[in-house]
């Protein structure tokens, strides 16, 4: 968790305390929902980044020589919405795999259509057809669930196996 995230958590906690003290249960309920959604967002985006870096670490232990760059507070657009989050690029020679994931932080950033909690882009340098657009949803169990947009307009579950397939493209093994 970054310093900004910690400051945000403290601000939310103080706002909830004040809402309860003022008898504003509606505001307290909204802030509780926001805190639960933020936890799902962090969990989902951290899973994506940590799974990818874990694959890179395993490959490097086998001698792959993958270089990893990570940037926090990265801003990117999905449609007309601005996302704020993490940007990770893995370099393998001339190949590069980039994952950017985040969510709107302020009202002026916009919102995610369809009830999404966060968005992510997986980009392959020089291979745009291999790219993927992801939306973080809440599964029926309440857990975070990444869904990949399909060319048909539908969505399908994005699993660790599918992330591994993207990673194998970086290695030139697919």
C-alpha atoms as a PDB file:
ATOM      1  CA  UNK A   1       0.000   0.000   0.000  1.00  0.00           C
ATOM      2  CA  UNK A   2       1.373   3.395  -0.966  1.00  0.00           C
ATOM      3  CA  UNK A   3       1.453   6.454   1.283  1.00  0.00           C
ATOM      4  CA  UNK A   4      -1.401   7.927  -0.734  1.00  0.00           C
ATOM      5  CA  UNK A   5      -3.491   4.786  -0.154  1.00  0.00           C
ATOM      6  CA  UNK A   6      -2.741   4.921   3.569  1.00  0.00           C
ATOM      7  CA  UNK A   7      -3.751   8.584   3.718  1.00  0.00           C
ATOM      8  CA  UNK A   8      -6.945   7.738   1.841  1.00  0.00           C
ATOM      9  CA  UNK A   9      -7.768   4.960   4.336  1.00  0.00           C
ATOM     10  CA  UNK A  10      -7.287   7.355   7.246  1.00  0.00           C
ATOM     11  CA  UNK A  11      -9.464   9.981   5.570  1.00  0.00           C
ATOM     12  CA  UNK A  12     -12.222   7.430   4.950  1.00  0.00           C
ATOM     13  CA  UNK A  13     -12.074   6.216   8.551  1.00  0.00           C
ATOM     14  CA  UNK A  14     -12.392   9.797   9.836  1.00  0.00           C
ATOM     15  CA  UNK A  15     -15.289  10.518   7.474  1.00  0.00           C
ATOM     16  CA  UNK A  16     -17.096   7.348   8.663  1.00  0.00           C
ATOM     17  CA  UNK A  17     -16.583   8.394  12.293  1.00  0.00           C
ATOM     18  CA  UNK A  18     -18.007  11.855  11.602  1.00  0.00           C
ATOM     19  CA  UNK A  19     -20.969  10.425   9.653  1.00  0.00           C
ATOM     20  CA  UNK A  20     -21.840   8.106  12.546  1.00  0.00           C
ATOM     21  CA  UNK A  21     -21.475  10.951  15.052  1.00  0.00           C
ATOM     22  CA  UNK A  22     -23.801  13.140  12.959  1.00  0.00           C
ATOM     23  CA  UNK A  23     -26.379  10.357  12.649  1.00  0.00           C
ATOM     24  CA  UNK A  24     -25.851  10.089   8.882  1.00  0.00           C
ATOM     25  CA  UNK A  25     -26.164   6.329   8.427  1.00  0.00           C
ATOM     26  CA  UNK A  26     -26.613   6.797   4.664  1.00  0.00           C
ATOM     27  CA  UNK A  27     -23.179   8.412   4.345  1.00  0.00           C
ATOM     28  CA  UNK A  28     -21.603   5.831   6.654  1.00  0.00           C
ATOM     29  CA  UNK A  29     -23.121   3.027   4.544  1.00  0.00           C
ATOM     30  CA  UNK A  30     -21.747   4.597   1.364  1.00  0.00           C
ATOM     31  CA  UNK A  31     -18.285   4.954   2.904  1.00  0.00           C
ATOM     32  CA  UNK A  32     -18.375   1.314   4.059  1.00  0.00           C
ATOM     33  CA  UNK A  33     -19.285   0.224   0.518  1.00  0.00           C
ATOM     34  CA  UNK A  34     -16.482   2.368  -0.867  1.00  0.00           C
ATOM     35  CA  UNK A  35     -13.983   0.786   1.551  1.00  0.00           C
ATOM     36  CA  UNK A  36     -15.120  -2.753   0.591  1.00  0.00           C
ATOM     37  CA  UNK A  37     -14.883  -1.915  -3.108  1.00  0.00           C
ATOM     38  CA  UNK A  38     -11.422  -0.383  -2.649  1.00  0.00           C
ATOM     39  CA  UNK A  39     -10.279  -3.585  -0.925  1.00  0.00           C
ATOM     40  CA  UNK A  40     -11.559  -5.644  -3.880  1.00  0.00           C
ATOM     41  CA  UNK A  41      -9.827  -3.271  -6.301  1.00  0.00           C
ATOM     42  CA  UNK A  42      -6.496  -3.478  -4.482  1.00  0.00           C
ATOM     43  CA  UNK A  43      -6.764  -7.257  -4.176  1.00  0.00           C
ATOM     44  CA  UNK A  44      -7.567  -7.693  -7.870  1.00  0.00           C
ATOM     45  CA  UNK A  45      -4.878  -5.373  -9.168  1.00  0.00           C
ATOM     46  CA  UNK A  46      -2.262  -6.762  -6.770  1.00  0.00           C
ATOM     47  CA  UNK A  47      -3.098 -10.308  -7.937  1.00  0.00           C
ATOM     48  CA  UNK A  48      -2.546  -9.295 -11.552  1.00  0.00           C
ATOM     49  CA  UNK A  49       0.811  -7.614 -10.879  1.00  0.00           C
ATOM     50  CA  UNK A  50       2.121 -10.199  -8.398  1.00  0.00           C
ATOM     51  CA  UNK A  51       1.129 -13.121 -10.642  1.00  0.00           C
ATOM     52  CA  UNK A  52       2.973 -11.555 -13.550  1.00  0.00           C
ATOM     53  CA  UNK A  53       6.108 -10.768 -11.552  1.00  0.00           C
ATOM     54  CA  UNK A  54       6.022 -14.290 -10.086  1.00  0.00           C
ATOM     55  CA  UNK A  55       6.064 -15.728 -13.627  1.00  0.00           C
ATOM     56  CA  UNK A  56       8.994 -13.436 -14.479  1.00  0.00           C
ATOM     57  CA  UNK A  57      10.874 -14.510 -11.343  1.00  0.00           C
ATOM     58  CA  UNK A  58      10.397 -18.193 -12.172  1.00  0.00           C
ATOM     59  CA  UNK A  59      11.596 -17.618 -15.745  1.00  0.00           C
ATOM     60  CA  UNK A  60      14.605 -15.617 -14.518  1.00  0.00           C
ATOM     61  CA  UNK A  61      15.603 -18.466 -12.200  1.00  0.00           C
ATOM     62  CA  UNK A  62      15.709 -20.606 -15.347  1.00  0.00           C
ATOM     63  CA  UNK A  63      17.960 -17.998 -17.023  1.00  0.00           C
ATOM     64  CA  UNK A  64      15.459 -15.865 -18.973  1.00  0.00           C
ATOM     65  CA  UNK A  65      16.929 -12.440 -18.052  1.00  0.00           C
ATOM     66  CA  UNK A  66      13.617 -10.573 -17.943  1.00  0.00           C
ATOM     67  CA  UNK A  67      13.824  -6.982 -16.729  1.00  0.00           C
ATOM     68  CA  UNK A  68      10.926  -5.561 -14.712  1.00  0.00           C
ATOM     69  CA  UNK A  69       9.912  -1.901 -14.481  1.00  0.00           C
ATOM     70  CA  UNK A  70       7.085  -0.806 -12.175  1.00  0.00           C
ATOM     71  CA  UNK A  71       5.454   2.594 -11.748  1.00  0.00           C
ATOM     72  CA  UNK A  72       2.759   3.486  -9.212  1.00  0.00           C
ATOM     73  CA  UNK A  73       0.272   6.367  -9.579  1.00  0.00           C
ATOM     74  CA  UNK A  74       0.188   5.636 -13.328  1.00  0.00           C
ATOM     75  CA  UNK A  75      -2.687   7.293 -15.209  1.00  0.00           C
ATOM     76  CA  UNK A  76      -4.254   5.756 -18.314  1.00  0.00           C
ATOM     77  CA  UNK A  77      -7.508   6.040 -20.236  1.00  0.00           C
ATOM     78  CA  UNK A  78     -10.172   3.448 -20.888  1.00  0.00           C
ATOM     79  CA  UNK A  79     -12.679   5.103 -23.165  1.00  0.00           C
ATOM     80  CA  UNK A  80     -13.400   8.492 -21.638  1.00  0.00           C
ATOM     81  CA  UNK A  81     -12.504   7.362 -18.102  1.00  0.00           C
ATOM     82  CA  UNK A  82      -9.134   8.005 -16.459  1.00  0.00           C
ATOM     83  CA  UNK A  83      -7.734   5.158 -14.382  1.00  0.00           C
ATOM     84  CA  UNK A  84      -5.050   5.567 -11.733  1.00  0.00           C
ATOM     85  CA  UNK A  85      -2.989   2.585 -10.684  1.00  0.00           C
ATOM     86  CA  UNK A  86       0.051   0.504 -11.482  1.00  0.00           C
ATOM     87  CA  UNK A  87       2.095   0.148 -14.674  1.00  0.00           C
ATOM     88  CA  UNK A  88       4.414  -2.856 -15.031  1.00  0.00           C
ATOM     89  CA  UNK A  89       6.558  -3.604 -18.062  1.00  0.00           C
ATOM     90  CA  UNK A  90       8.516  -6.804 -18.555  1.00  0.00           C
ATOM     91  CA  UNK A  91      11.344  -6.666 -21.116  1.00  0.00           C
ATOM     92  CA  UNK A  92      12.771  -9.746 -22.789  1.00  0.00           C
ATOM     93  CA  UNK A  93      15.212  -8.583 -25.430  1.00  0.00           C
ATOM     94  CA  UNK A  94      13.217  -6.579 -27.978  1.00  0.00           C
ATOM     95  CA  UNK A  95       9.915  -7.969 -26.679  1.00  0.00           C
ATOM     96  CA  UNK A  96       7.900  -6.151 -24.035  1.00  0.00           C
ATOM     97  CA  UNK A  97       4.757  -7.006 -22.096  1.00  0.00           C
ATOM     98  CA  UNK A  98       2.990  -4.161 -20.304  1.00  0.00           C
ATOM     99  CA  UNK A  99       0.185  -4.409 -17.763  1.00  0.00           C
ATOM    100  CA  UNK A 100      -1.547  -1.292 -16.518  1.00  0.00           C
ATOM    101  CA  UNK A 101      -4.301  -1.605 -13.955  1.00  0.00           C
ATOM    102  CA  UNK A 102      -6.279   0.854 -11.882  1.00  0.00           C
ATOM    103  CA  UNK A 103      -9.597   2.581 -11.265  1.00  0.00           C
ATOM    104  CA  UNK A 104     -11.022   6.124 -11.236  1.00  0.00           C
ATOM    105  CA  UNK A 105     -10.067   7.927  -8.031  1.00  0.00           C
ATOM    106  CA  UNK A 106     -12.021  11.175  -8.282  1.00  0.00           C
ATOM    107  CA  UNK A 107     -15.427  12.094  -9.742  1.00  0.00           C
ATOM    108  CA  UNK A 108     -13.762  13.970 -12.598  1.00  0.00           C
ATOM    109  CA  UNK A 109     -11.942  10.749 -13.599  1.00  0.00           C
ATOM    110  CA  UNK A 110     -15.293   9.267 -14.637  1.00  0.00           C
ATOM    111  CA  UNK A 111     -16.695   5.826 -13.907  1.00  0.00           C
ATOM    112  CA  UNK A 112     -16.444   2.257 -15.164  1.00  0.00           C
ATOM    113  CA  UNK A 113     -19.448   1.141 -17.175  1.00  0.00           C
ATOM    114  CA  UNK A 114     -21.250  -2.086 -16.412  1.00  0.00           C
ATOM    115  CA  UNK A 115     -20.574  -2.131 -12.682  1.00  0.00           C
ATOM    116  CA  UNK A 116     -16.836  -2.717 -13.025  1.00  0.00           C
ATOM    117  CA  UNK A 117     -14.540  -1.998 -10.105  1.00  0.00           C
ATOM    118  CA  UNK A 118     -11.259  -1.560 -11.993  1.00  0.00           C
ATOM    119  CA  UNK A 119      -9.777  -1.929 -15.472  1.00  0.00           C
ATOM    120  CA  UNK A 120      -6.538  -3.303 -16.856  1.00  0.00           C
ATOM    121  CA  UNK A 121      -4.791  -3.418 -20.210  1.00  0.00           C
ATOM    122  CA  UNK A 122      -2.312  -6.075 -21.253  1.00  0.00           C
ATOM    123  CA  UNK A 123      -0.188  -4.887 -24.155  1.00  0.00           C
ATOM    124  CA  UNK A 124       2.376  -6.705 -26.271  1.00  0.00           C
ATOM    125  CA  UNK A 125       4.905  -4.411 -27.962  1.00  0.00           C
ATOM    126  CA  UNK A 126       4.548  -4.870 -31.722  1.00  0.00           C
ATOM    127  CA  UNK A 127       1.674  -7.385 -31.432  1.00  0.00           C
ATOM    128  CA  UNK A 128      -1.542  -5.389 -30.927  1.00  0.00           C
ATOM    129  CA  UNK A 129      -3.783  -8.349 -31.793  1.00  0.00           C
ATOM    130  CA  UNK A 130      -2.476 -10.151 -28.701  1.00  0.00           C
ATOM    131  CA  UNK A 131      -3.489  -7.288 -26.386  1.00  0.00           C
ATOM    132  CA  UNK A 132      -6.282  -7.728 -23.830  1.00  0.00           C
ATOM    133  CA  UNK A 133      -8.691  -5.397 -22.050  1.00  0.00           C
ATOM    134  CA  UNK A 134      -9.850  -6.501 -18.602  1.00  0.00           C
ATOM    135  CA  UNK A 135     -12.560  -5.377 -16.205  1.00  0.00           C
ATOM    136  CA  UNK A 136     -12.568  -6.289 -12.529  1.00  0.00           C
ATOM    137  CA  UNK A 137     -16.004  -7.441 -11.392  1.00  0.00           C
ATOM    138  CA  UNK A 138     -17.417  -8.778  -8.150  1.00  0.00           C
ATOM    139  CA  UNK A 139     -18.138 -12.524  -8.440  1.00  0.00           C
ATOM    140  CA  UNK A 140     -21.332 -14.013  -6.981  1.00  0.00           C
ATOM    141  CA  UNK A 141     -19.224 -15.072  -3.978  1.00  0.00           C
ATOM    142  CA  UNK A 142     -18.175 -11.449  -3.433  1.00  0.00           C
ATOM    143  CA  UNK A 143     -14.579 -12.099  -4.523  1.00  0.00           C
ATOM    144  CA  UNK A 144     -12.851 -10.012  -7.208  1.00  0.00           C
ATOM    145  CA  UNK A 145     -12.966 -11.523 -10.711  1.00  0.00           C
ATOM    146  CA  UNK A 146     -11.144 -10.287 -13.819  1.00  0.00           C
ATOM    147  CA  UNK A 147     -13.143 -10.504 -17.047  1.00  0.00           C
ATOM    148  CA  UNK A 148     -11.562 -10.176 -20.502  1.00  0.00           C
ATOM    149  CA  UNK A 149     -13.375  -8.355 -23.295  1.00  0.00           C
ATOM    150  CA  UNK A 150     -13.817 -10.563 -26.338  1.00  0.00           C
ATOM    151  CA  UNK A 151     -13.899  -9.453 -29.976  1.00  0.00           C
ATOM    152  CA  UNK A 152     -17.521 -10.689 -30.117  1.00  0.00           C
ATOM    153  CA  UNK A 153     -18.492  -8.050 -27.543  1.00  0.00           C
ATOM    154  CA  UNK A 154     -18.888 -10.514 -24.685  1.00  0.00           C
ATOM    155  CA  UNK A 155     -16.638 -11.175 -21.732  1.00  0.00           C
ATOM    156  CA  UNK A 156     -14.906 -14.274 -20.401  1.00  0.00           C
ATOM    157  CA  UNK A 157     -13.133 -15.053 -17.160  1.00  0.00           C
ATOM    158  CA  UNK A 158      -9.463 -14.072 -17.127  1.00  0.00           C
ATOM    159  CA  UNK A 159      -7.513 -16.733 -15.251  1.00  0.00           C
ATOM    160  CA  UNK A 160      -3.917 -17.288 -14.230  1.00  0.00           C
ATOM    161  CA  UNK A 161      -3.639 -19.653 -17.202  1.00  0.00           C
ATOM    162  CA  UNK A 162      -4.579 -16.870 -19.591  1.00  0.00           C
ATOM    163  CA  UNK A 163      -2.042 -14.571 -17.927  1.00  0.00           C
ATOM    164  CA  UNK A 164       0.559 -17.316 -18.389  1.00  0.00           C
ATOM    165  CA  UNK A 165      -0.330 -17.433 -22.115  1.00  0.00           C
ATOM    166  CA  UNK A 166       0.437 -13.700 -22.378  1.00  0.00           C
ATOM    167  CA  UNK A 167       3.701 -14.266 -20.547  1.00  0.00           C
ATOM    168  CA  UNK A 168       4.664 -17.109 -22.911  1.00  0.00           C
ATOM    169  CA  UNK A 169       4.214 -14.681 -25.840  1.00  0.00           C
ATOM    170  CA  UNK A 170       6.807 -12.460 -24.172  1.00  0.00           C
ATOM    171  CA  UNK A 171       9.173 -15.412 -24.009  1.00  0.00           C
ATOM    172  CA  UNK A 172       8.464 -16.274 -27.648  1.00  0.00           C
ATOM    173  CA  UNK A 173       7.124 -19.678 -26.656  1.00  0.00           C
ATOM    174  CA  UNK A 174       3.639 -19.269 -28.037  1.00  0.00           C
END
